[in-house]
């Protein structure tokens, strides 16, 4: 499993459209930023720390095909999953409503 952290409004659009084309930051990067299970809590704290509510979607990596690439993130020293193209709703296996970044590890299942 890999994970995408979304704002509630982004999840609502994802559900309505049946796909997610990325946040403004994703689009400026040229790919959709994702996290592995061991990375998602740190990413949530670093990027979404002050947000009162988050939605974390679990994605089946195999469903993303060749659009998924694991690449080294600058200044992070580890490989992160990136998707070059939209996320299809069919790849979503679970949706977690989370009360802020500090609750990510308590809500998501262990790796």
N, C-alpha and C. Protein backbone atom coordinates (compact mmCIF):
# COMPACT_ATOMS: atom_id res chain seq x y z
N UNK A 1 0.82 -1.18 0.00
CA UNK A 1 0.00 0.00 0.00
C UNK A 1 0.87 1.26 0.00
N UNK A 2 0.38 2.27 -0.68
CA UNK A 2 0.97 3.59 -0.61
C UNK A 2 -0.16 4.56 -0.26
N UNK A 3 0.19 5.75 0.16
CA UNK A 3 -0.81 6.65 0.73
C UNK A 3 -0.71 8.05 0.13
N UNK A 4 -1.87 8.67 -0.02
CA UNK A 4 -1.96 10.07 -0.42
C UNK A 4 -2.69 10.82 0.68
N UNK A 5 -2.09 11.90 1.14
CA UNK A 5 -2.70 12.75 2.16
C UNK A 5 -3.44 13.87 1.43
N UNK A 6 -4.69 14.04 1.79
CA UNK A 6 -5.53 15.04 1.13
C UNK A 6 -6.22 15.94 2.15
N UNK A 7 -6.55 17.12 1.72
CA UNK A 7 -7.46 17.96 2.49
C UNK A 7 -8.88 17.43 2.24
N UNK A 8 -9.81 17.62 3.16
CA UNK A 8 -11.17 17.13 2.94
C UNK A 8 -11.78 17.62 1.62
N UNK A 9 -11.52 18.85 1.23
CA UNK A 9 -12.06 19.37 -0.04
C UNK A 9 -11.46 18.64 -1.24
N UNK A 10 -10.18 18.25 -1.15
CA UNK A 10 -9.56 17.50 -2.24
C UNK A 10 -10.16 16.11 -2.34
N UNK A 11 -10.44 15.47 -1.19
CA UNK A 11 -11.08 14.16 -1.21
C UNK A 11 -12.48 14.26 -1.81
N UNK A 12 -13.23 15.29 -1.48
CA UNK A 12 -14.58 15.47 -2.03
C UNK A 12 -14.51 15.59 -3.55
N UNK A 13 -13.54 16.33 -4.06
CA UNK A 13 -13.38 16.45 -5.51
C UNK A 13 -12.95 15.12 -6.13
N UNK A 14 -12.06 14.40 -5.46
CA UNK A 14 -11.60 13.08 -5.91
C UNK A 14 -12.80 12.16 -6.06
N UNK A 15 -13.62 12.11 -5.03
CA UNK A 15 -14.83 11.26 -5.06
C UNK A 15 -15.77 11.66 -6.20
N UNK A 16 -16.01 12.94 -6.34
CA UNK A 16 -16.94 13.43 -7.36
C UNK A 16 -16.43 13.17 -8.77
N UNK A 17 -15.13 13.37 -8.98
CA UNK A 17 -14.55 13.22 -10.31
C UNK A 17 -14.14 11.80 -10.66
N UNK A 18 -14.00 10.95 -9.64
CA UNK A 18 -13.54 9.58 -9.89
C UNK A 18 -12.05 9.49 -10.14
N UNK A 19 -11.34 10.59 -9.93
CA UNK A 19 -9.88 10.63 -10.11
C UNK A 19 -9.34 11.86 -9.42
N UNK A 20 -8.04 11.85 -9.16
CA UNK A 20 -7.39 12.99 -8.54
C UNK A 20 -6.22 13.39 -9.41
N UNK A 21 -6.23 14.63 -9.88
CA UNK A 21 -5.18 15.13 -10.77
C UNK A 21 -4.07 15.85 -10.03
N UNK A 22 -4.14 15.85 -8.71
CA UNK A 22 -3.08 16.44 -7.91
C UNK A 22 -3.46 17.77 -7.29
N UNK A 23 -2.79 18.06 -6.19
CA UNK A 23 -2.94 19.34 -5.51
C UNK A 23 -2.17 20.39 -6.32
N UNK A 24 -2.31 21.65 -5.99
CA UNK A 24 -1.48 22.65 -6.67
C UNK A 24 0.02 22.35 -6.56
N UNK A 25 0.47 21.89 -5.39
CA UNK A 25 1.88 21.53 -5.23
C UNK A 25 2.26 20.35 -6.12
N UNK A 26 1.40 19.33 -6.18
CA UNK A 26 1.66 18.19 -7.06
C UNK A 26 1.82 18.66 -8.51
N UNK A 27 0.87 19.46 -8.95
CA UNK A 27 0.89 19.91 -10.35
C UNK A 27 2.14 20.73 -10.64
N UNK A 28 2.58 21.57 -9.69
CA UNK A 28 3.80 22.36 -9.91
C UNK A 28 5.04 21.47 -9.92
N UNK A 29 4.97 20.33 -9.25
CA UNK A 29 6.10 19.37 -9.22
C UNK A 29 6.13 18.50 -10.46
N UNK A 30 5.00 18.35 -11.14
CA UNK A 30 4.93 17.49 -12.32
C UNK A 30 4.56 16.06 -12.01
N UNK A 31 4.22 15.77 -10.76
CA UNK A 31 3.80 14.44 -10.36
C UNK A 31 3.03 14.54 -9.06
N UNK A 32 2.33 13.46 -8.70
CA UNK A 32 1.58 13.42 -7.45
C UNK A 32 2.47 12.80 -6.37
N UNK A 33 2.64 13.52 -5.28
CA UNK A 33 3.45 13.08 -4.15
C UNK A 33 2.65 12.08 -3.31
N UNK A 34 3.26 10.94 -3.04
CA UNK A 34 2.68 9.91 -2.19
C UNK A 34 3.68 9.54 -1.11
N UNK A 35 3.25 8.68 -0.19
CA UNK A 35 4.13 8.22 0.88
C UNK A 35 3.94 6.73 1.08
N UNK A 36 5.02 6.06 1.47
CA UNK A 36 4.93 4.71 1.96
C UNK A 36 4.39 4.75 3.39
N UNK A 37 4.01 3.61 3.94
CA UNK A 37 3.43 3.59 5.28
C UNK A 37 4.37 4.18 6.33
N UNK A 38 5.65 3.88 6.23
CA UNK A 38 6.60 4.38 7.22
C UNK A 38 6.88 5.87 7.04
N UNK A 39 6.43 6.48 5.96
CA UNK A 39 6.69 7.89 5.67
C UNK A 39 5.48 8.79 5.91
N UNK A 40 4.29 8.23 5.95
CA UNK A 40 3.08 9.05 5.88
C UNK A 40 2.90 9.97 7.09
N UNK A 41 3.20 9.51 8.29
CA UNK A 41 3.02 10.37 9.47
C UNK A 41 3.97 11.55 9.44
N UNK A 42 5.23 11.31 9.09
CA UNK A 42 6.20 12.41 9.00
C UNK A 42 5.80 13.40 7.92
N UNK A 43 5.35 12.90 6.78
CA UNK A 43 4.90 13.78 5.70
C UNK A 43 3.71 14.61 6.14
N UNK A 44 2.76 13.98 6.83
CA UNK A 44 1.59 14.71 7.31
C UNK A 44 2.00 15.83 8.26
N UNK A 45 2.90 15.54 9.17
CA UNK A 45 3.34 16.55 10.13
C UNK A 45 4.09 17.68 9.44
N UNK A 46 4.95 17.34 8.49
CA UNK A 46 5.78 18.35 7.83
C UNK A 46 4.97 19.23 6.88
N UNK A 47 4.04 18.63 6.14
CA UNK A 47 3.33 19.37 5.09
C UNK A 47 1.96 19.88 5.55
N UNK A 48 1.29 19.10 6.41
CA UNK A 48 -0.09 19.42 6.78
C UNK A 48 -0.25 19.69 8.27
N UNK A 49 0.84 19.95 8.97
CA UNK A 49 0.82 20.11 10.41
C UNK A 49 -0.31 20.92 10.99
N UNK A 50 -0.58 22.13 10.49
CA UNK A 50 -1.63 22.95 11.10
C UNK A 50 -3.06 22.61 10.67
N UNK A 51 -3.23 21.72 9.73
CA UNK A 51 -4.58 21.40 9.25
C UNK A 51 -5.36 20.63 10.31
N UNK A 52 -6.61 21.02 10.59
CA UNK A 52 -7.39 20.35 11.62
C UNK A 52 -7.97 19.01 11.20
N UNK A 53 -8.07 18.78 9.90
CA UNK A 53 -8.65 17.52 9.40
C UNK A 53 -7.95 17.13 8.11
N UNK A 54 -7.68 15.84 8.01
CA UNK A 54 -7.04 15.29 6.81
C UNK A 54 -7.80 14.05 6.38
N UNK A 55 -7.63 13.68 5.13
CA UNK A 55 -8.11 12.42 4.61
C UNK A 55 -6.89 11.71 4.03
N UNK A 56 -6.65 10.50 4.49
CA UNK A 56 -5.54 9.71 3.95
C UNK A 56 -6.16 8.54 3.20
N UNK A 57 -5.80 8.43 1.93
CA UNK A 57 -6.32 7.31 1.14
C UNK A 57 -5.20 6.30 0.92
N UNK A 58 -5.55 5.04 1.11
CA UNK A 58 -4.63 3.94 0.82
C UNK A 58 -4.85 3.54 -0.62
N UNK A 59 -3.77 3.36 -1.34
CA UNK A 59 -3.83 3.04 -2.77
C UNK A 59 -3.10 1.72 -3.02
N UNK A 60 -3.68 0.92 -3.86
CA UNK A 60 -3.03 -0.32 -4.29
C UNK A 60 -1.97 0.05 -5.33
N UNK A 61 -0.72 -0.13 -4.98
CA UNK A 61 0.38 0.29 -5.85
C UNK A 61 0.30 -0.37 -7.23
N UNK A 62 -0.05 -1.64 -7.27
CA UNK A 62 -0.11 -2.34 -8.55
C UNK A 62 -1.15 -1.76 -9.50
N UNK A 63 -2.20 -1.15 -8.95
CA UNK A 63 -3.26 -0.57 -9.77
C UNK A 63 -2.80 0.70 -10.49
N UNK A 64 -1.66 1.25 -10.07
CA UNK A 64 -1.17 2.48 -10.68
C UNK A 64 -0.25 2.23 -11.87
N UNK A 65 0.14 0.98 -12.04
CA UNK A 65 0.93 0.60 -13.21
C UNK A 65 2.23 1.37 -13.35
N UNK A 66 2.57 1.67 -14.59
CA UNK A 66 3.84 2.31 -14.89
C UNK A 66 3.88 3.79 -14.53
N UNK A 67 2.73 4.35 -14.15
CA UNK A 67 2.75 5.76 -13.75
C UNK A 67 3.39 5.95 -12.37
N UNK A 68 3.56 4.86 -11.61
CA UNK A 68 4.17 4.91 -10.28
C UNK A 68 5.68 4.72 -10.39
N UNK A 69 6.41 5.66 -9.79
CA UNK A 69 7.87 5.56 -9.74
C UNK A 69 8.33 5.88 -8.33
N UNK A 70 9.28 5.11 -7.84
CA UNK A 70 9.91 5.40 -6.55
C UNK A 70 11.16 6.20 -6.85
N UNK A 71 11.21 7.42 -6.28
CA UNK A 71 12.31 8.32 -6.57
C UNK A 71 12.83 8.95 -5.28
N UNK A 72 14.11 9.26 -5.29
CA UNK A 72 14.69 9.89 -4.11
C UNK A 72 14.17 11.31 -3.98
N UNK A 73 13.75 11.64 -2.79
CA UNK A 73 13.26 12.99 -2.51
C UNK A 73 14.42 13.87 -2.06
N UNK A 74 14.58 15.04 -2.67
CA UNK A 74 15.66 15.93 -2.24
C UNK A 74 15.54 16.26 -0.75
N UNK A 75 16.64 16.28 -0.07
CA UNK A 75 16.72 16.63 1.36
C UNK A 75 16.02 15.63 2.27
N UNK A 76 15.58 14.48 1.79
CA UNK A 76 14.91 13.48 2.62
C UNK A 76 15.74 12.20 2.72
N UNK A 77 16.59 11.95 1.73
CA UNK A 77 17.47 10.80 1.78
C UNK A 77 16.78 9.45 1.69
N UNK A 78 15.55 9.44 1.21
CA UNK A 78 14.87 8.16 1.03
C UNK A 78 14.01 8.21 -0.23
N UNK A 79 13.57 7.05 -0.63
CA UNK A 79 12.76 6.92 -1.84
C UNK A 79 11.29 7.13 -1.50
N UNK A 80 10.62 7.94 -2.31
CA UNK A 80 9.19 8.20 -2.14
C UNK A 80 8.46 7.80 -3.41
N UNK A 81 7.21 7.35 -3.27
CA UNK A 81 6.43 7.03 -4.46
C UNK A 81 5.86 8.31 -5.08
N UNK A 82 6.01 8.41 -6.40
CA UNK A 82 5.46 9.53 -7.17
C UNK A 82 4.63 8.94 -8.31
N UNK A 83 3.51 9.57 -8.62
CA UNK A 83 2.67 9.12 -9.73
C UNK A 83 2.65 10.20 -10.79
N UNK A 84 2.97 9.79 -11.99
CA UNK A 84 2.97 10.68 -13.15
C UNK A 84 1.68 10.44 -13.93
N UNK A 85 0.64 11.11 -13.49
CA UNK A 85 -0.69 10.96 -14.07
C UNK A 85 -1.70 11.02 -12.95
N UNK A 86 -2.98 10.93 -13.28
CA UNK A 86 -4.01 11.01 -12.26
C UNK A 86 -4.08 9.74 -11.41
N UNK A 87 -4.60 9.91 -10.19
CA UNK A 87 -4.89 8.75 -9.34
C UNK A 87 -6.32 8.32 -9.65
N UNK A 88 -6.52 7.09 -10.09
CA UNK A 88 -7.89 6.62 -10.35
C UNK A 88 -8.56 6.17 -9.05
N UNK A 89 -9.83 6.45 -8.92
CA UNK A 89 -10.55 6.07 -7.71
C UNK A 89 -10.52 4.55 -7.51
N UNK A 90 -10.42 3.81 -8.60
CA UNK A 90 -10.39 2.34 -8.51
C UNK A 90 -9.17 1.84 -7.76
N UNK A 91 -8.12 2.66 -7.65
CA UNK A 91 -6.91 2.25 -6.93
C UNK A 91 -7.05 2.43 -5.42
N UNK A 92 -8.08 3.16 -4.98
CA UNK A 92 -8.28 3.43 -3.56
C UNK A 92 -8.84 2.19 -2.88
N UNK A 93 -8.15 1.72 -1.84
CA UNK A 93 -8.61 0.54 -1.11
C UNK A 93 -9.19 0.88 0.26
N UNK A 94 -8.84 2.05 0.80
CA UNK A 94 -9.36 2.48 2.10
C UNK A 94 -9.25 3.99 2.20
N UNK A 95 -10.15 4.57 2.99
CA UNK A 95 -10.17 6.02 3.21
C UNK A 95 -10.21 6.24 4.72
N UNK A 96 -9.30 7.06 5.21
CA UNK A 96 -9.20 7.34 6.65
C UNK A 96 -9.42 8.83 6.89
N UNK A 97 -10.44 9.15 7.65
CA UNK A 97 -10.70 10.53 8.08
C UNK A 97 -9.88 10.73 9.36
N UNK A 98 -9.01 11.73 9.36
CA UNK A 98 -8.07 11.88 10.46
C UNK A 98 -8.14 13.30 11.02
N UNK A 99 -8.20 13.39 12.33
CA UNK A 99 -8.27 14.69 13.02
C UNK A 99 -6.87 15.25 13.19
N UNK A 100 -6.26 15.67 12.10
CA UNK A 100 -4.96 16.31 12.15
C UNK A 100 -3.78 15.37 12.00
N UNK A 101 -2.64 15.94 11.65
CA UNK A 101 -1.44 15.18 11.34
C UNK A 101 -0.96 14.33 12.50
N UNK A 102 -1.11 14.79 13.72
CA UNK A 102 -0.59 14.04 14.86
C UNK A 102 -1.32 12.72 15.09
N UNK A 103 -2.49 12.54 14.48
CA UNK A 103 -3.26 11.32 14.67
C UNK A 103 -3.04 10.27 13.59
N UNK A 104 -2.21 10.57 12.60
CA UNK A 104 -2.06 9.64 11.46
C UNK A 104 -1.65 8.26 11.91
N UNK A 105 -0.60 8.13 12.73
CA UNK A 105 -0.12 6.81 13.11
C UNK A 105 -1.10 6.05 13.99
N UNK A 106 -1.97 6.75 14.69
CA UNK A 106 -2.94 6.05 15.54
C UNK A 106 -4.14 5.56 14.75
N UNK A 107 -4.38 6.13 13.57
CA UNK A 107 -5.56 5.76 12.78
C UNK A 107 -5.22 4.72 11.70
N UNK A 108 -4.08 4.89 11.03
CA UNK A 108 -3.72 3.96 9.95
C UNK A 108 -3.30 2.62 10.53
N UNK A 109 -3.58 1.54 9.79
CA UNK A 109 -3.10 0.24 10.26
C UNK A 109 -1.57 0.19 10.19
N UNK A 110 -0.95 -0.66 11.00
CA UNK A 110 0.50 -0.76 10.96
C UNK A 110 1.00 -1.27 9.60
N UNK A 111 2.25 -1.00 9.33
CA UNK A 111 2.86 -1.43 8.05
C UNK A 111 2.90 -2.93 7.96
